[in-house]
Protein backbone atom coordinates (compact mmCIF):
# COMPACT_ATOMS: atom_id res chain seq x y z
CA UNK A 1 -2.36 -8.74 -9.51
CA UNK A 2 -2.70 -5.88 -7.08
CA UNK A 3 -3.92 -2.30 -7.03
CA UNK A 4 -1.48 -0.16 -5.07
CA UNK A 5 -0.77 3.41 -4.07
CA UNK A 6 2.98 3.46 -4.55
CA UNK A 7 5.00 6.03 -2.67
CA UNK A 8 8.54 6.00 -4.08
CA UNK A 9 9.01 9.40 -2.41
CA UNK A 10 9.21 7.50 0.90
CA UNK A 11 11.89 5.01 -0.22
CA UNK A 12 14.81 6.89 1.32
CA UNK A 13 12.78 7.61 4.46
CA UNK A 14 11.65 4.00 5.02
CA UNK A 15 14.87 2.30 3.83
CA UNK A 16 16.19 1.95 7.41
CA UNK A 17 13.29 -0.39 8.26
CA UNK A 18 12.29 -1.95 4.94
CA UNK A 19 15.89 -2.92 4.06
CA UNK A 20 16.07 -5.24 7.09
CA UNK A 21 12.49 -6.51 6.92
CA UNK A 22 11.58 -9.61 4.94
CA UNK A 23 8.51 -10.91 3.17
CA UNK A 24 7.18 -14.32 4.14
CA UNK A 25 7.15 -15.15 0.40
CA UNK A 26 10.89 -14.42 0.02
CA UNK A 27 12.47 -14.34 3.50
CA UNK A 28 15.99 -14.05 2.10
CA UNK A 29 15.22 -10.78 0.25
CA UNK A 30 14.52 -7.40 1.93
CA UNK A 31 11.21 -5.68 1.24
CA UNK A 32 13.09 -2.86 -0.52
CA UNK A 33 14.06 -5.30 -3.29
CA UNK A 34 10.60 -6.81 -3.78
CA UNK A 35 8.25 -3.83 -3.94
CA UNK A 36 8.42 -0.06 -3.41
CA UNK A 37 6.80 1.55 -0.38
CA UNK A 38 3.05 1.38 -0.93
CA UNK A 39 -0.44 1.33 0.49
CA UNK A 40 -2.33 -1.72 -0.73
CA UNK A 41 -5.69 -0.85 -2.23
CA UNK A 42 -6.71 -4.37 -3.31
CA UNK A 43 -4.86 -7.67 -3.39
CA UNK A 44 -5.49 -10.11 -4.89
CA UNK A 45 -7.09 -8.36 -7.81
CA UNK A 46 -8.19 -10.07 -11.06
CA UNK A 47 -5.44 -12.32 -12.45
CA UNK A 48 -5.67 -10.99 -16.01
CA UNK A 49 -7.45 -7.62 -16.05
CA UNK A 50 -9.57 -6.96 -19.11
CA UNK A 51 -10.53 -3.58 -20.57
CA UNK A 52 -13.82 -3.99 -18.70
CA UNK A 53 -11.96 -4.49 -15.39
CA UNK A 54 -9.89 -1.34 -16.02
CA UNK A 55 -13.10 0.55 -16.87
CA UNK A 56 -14.70 -0.65 -13.60
CA UNK A 57 -11.66 0.55 -11.66
CA UNK A 58 -11.67 3.93 -13.45
CA UNK A 59 -15.36 4.36 -12.65
CA UNK A 60 -14.78 3.40 -8.99
CA UNK A 61 -12.18 6.16 -8.48
CA UNK A 62 -13.52 8.75 -10.91
CA UNK A 63 -15.13 10.86 -8.18
CA UNK A 64 -11.98 10.91 -6.02
CA UNK A 65 -9.90 13.92 -6.98
CA UNK A 66 -6.10 13.90 -6.58
CA UNK A 67 -4.95 14.93 -3.10
CA UNK A 68 -1.90 15.34 -0.87
CA UNK A 69 -0.91 12.14 0.92
CA UNK A 70 1.07 12.23 4.16
CA UNK A 71 2.25 9.66 6.70
CA UNK A 72 2.39 11.45 10.07
CA UNK A 73 2.02 8.52 12.49
CA UNK A 74 3.19 4.94 12.98
CA UNK A 75 1.30 1.99 14.40
CA UNK A 76 1.51 -1.75 14.84
CA UNK A 77 -0.80 -4.65 14.11
CA UNK A 78 -1.21 -7.43 16.71
CA UNK A 79 1.02 -9.71 14.58
CA UNK A 80 3.96 -7.29 15.01
CA UNK A 81 3.83 -5.60 11.59
CA UNK A 82 4.78 -1.92 11.94
CA UNK A 83 3.27 0.61 9.54
CA UNK A 84 2.86 4.26 8.71
CA UNK A 85 -0.70 5.58 8.56
CA UNK A 86 -1.72 7.43 5.40
CA UNK A 87 -3.59 10.71 5.79
CA UNK A 88 -6.19 11.88 5.02
CA UNK A 89 -7.17 8.48 6.40
CA UNK A 90 -10.91 8.80 5.71
CA UNK A 91 -10.25 9.68 2.05
CA UNK A 92 -7.93 6.67 1.64
CA UNK A 93 -10.43 4.42 3.40
CA UNK A 94 -13.21 5.69 1.11
CA UNK A 95 -11.03 5.00 -1.92
CA UNK A 96 -10.48 1.41 -0.74
CA UNK A 97 -14.18 0.90 -0.09
CA UNK A 98 -15.08 2.18 -3.58
CA UNK A 99 -12.64 -0.28 -5.14
CA UNK A 100 -13.83 -3.15 -2.92
CA UNK A 101 -17.44 -2.42 -3.97
CA UNK A 102 -16.44 -2.42 -7.65
CA UNK A 103 -14.77 -5.84 -7.31
CA UNK A 104 -16.83 -7.91 -4.85
CA UNK A 105 -15.37 -11.06 -6.39
CA UNK A 106 -11.93 -10.00 -5.07
CA UNK A 107 -12.15 -9.81 -1.27
CA UNK A 108 -9.23 -7.85 0.24
CA UNK A 109 -6.34 -10.14 1.17
CA UNK A 110 -8.40 -13.09 -0.04
CA UNK A 111 -10.87 -12.51 2.80
CA UNK A 112 -8.21 -12.92 5.51
CA UNK A 113 -8.64 -9.28 6.63
CA UNK A 114 -12.19 -8.28 5.66
CA UNK A 115 -11.88 -4.86 7.33
CA UNK A 116 -8.53 -3.98 5.77
CA UNK A 117 -6.84 -0.95 7.35
CA UNK A 118 -4.94 1.31 4.91
CA UNK A 119 -1.26 1.35 5.87
CA UNK A 120 2.28 1.42 4.52
CA UNK A 121 4.27 -1.52 5.95
CA UNK A 122 7.74 -0.60 7.15
CA UNK A 123 8.55 -3.78 9.07
CA UNK A 124 6.98 -7.20 8.66
CA UNK A 125 5.62 -9.25 11.52
CA UNK A 126 8.82 -11.24 11.96
CA UNK A 127 11.06 -8.17 12.18
CA UNK A 128 8.54 -5.72 13.65
CA UNK A 129 7.87 -4.97 17.22
CA UNK A 130 7.75 -2.27 19.87
CA UNK A 131 11.35 -1.19 19.21
CA UNK A 132 10.66 -0.52 15.51
CA UNK A 133 7.42 1.27 16.38
CA UNK A 134 9.25 3.46 18.91
CA UNK A 135 12.00 4.21 16.40
CA UNK A 136 9.50 5.10 13.66
CA UNK A 137 7.49 7.31 16.02
CA UNK A 138 10.66 9.16 17.05
CA UNK A 139 11.76 9.51 13.41
CA UNK A 140 8.40 10.98 12.40
CA UNK A 141 8.53 13.45 15.30
CA UNK A 142 12.05 14.56 14.33
CA UNK A 143 11.58 14.69 10.56
CA UNK A 144 8.16 14.19 8.95
CA UNK A 145 7.91 11.71 6.11
CA UNK A 146 7.76 13.24 2.62
CA UNK A 147 4.38 14.20 1.17
CA UNK A 148 3.11 12.83 -2.13
CA UNK A 149 0.42 14.16 -4.42
CA UNK A 150 -1.72 11.12 -5.17
CA UNK A 151 -2.96 11.29 -8.76
CA UNK A 152 -3.20 7.61 -9.76
CA UNK A 153 -3.36 4.01 -8.65
CA UNK A 154 -0.78 1.51 -9.84
CA UNK A 155 -1.56 -1.90 -11.31
CA UNK A 156 1.08 -4.39 -10.19
CA UNK A 157 1.91 -8.04 -10.79
CA UNK A 158 4.11 -10.33 -8.73
CA UNK A 159 6.47 -12.48 -10.77
CA UNK A 160 7.56 -16.05 -10.02
CA UNK A 161 10.43 -14.93 -7.78
CA UNK A 162 8.20 -12.69 -5.61
CA UNK A 163 9.27 -9.36 -7.12
CA UNK A 164 6.51 -6.93 -8.06
CA UNK A 165 6.38 -4.96 -11.34
CA UNK A 166 4.09 -2.13 -12.36
CA UNK A 167 2.00 -2.85 -15.46
CA UNK A 168 -0.05 0.33 -15.66
CA UNK A 169 -1.94 3.06 -13.86
CA UNK A 170 -5.47 4.36 -13.45
CA UNK A 171 -5.90 8.09 -12.76
CA UNK A 172 -7.97 9.46 -9.91
CA UNK A 173 -10.72 11.94 -10.70
CA UNK A 174 -11.07 10.78 -14.28
CA UNK A 175 -14.76 11.68 -14.40
């Protein structure tokens, strides 16, 4: 299971990169076919969320009111993965930290990246690189990525073939 900020509004914008980028789990299938554009909040999350888990998540994000989400800049991780940075970055980072604190038994990325940086992957490490970063930076300068009003987090599950499906949502600001 995963908690995600999905951004379907960016699908057409990111298609040029995500349609030729592959997941390590399913290298024969483009990212666009596995999961919509998203910012990962927490993965892995609990395998079978209970009502108590949903209540913990609601409580964790209850003080965070809905807000406008933009993606004005691109960057690259050392492994080659190219991403768009969500803004307001500090608000997104605070949201992640609230969720991490609510689920200490679920370290982000299984503990592989303990200081997880909020991002929206547009090109995986195998297909990423300076050329994709330069192209994304130029694209953002020419035409900004669409804005989304973030009102909820999505609860997602990966099926046996590596495709992700949304199972529910938790609203922001539900206090």
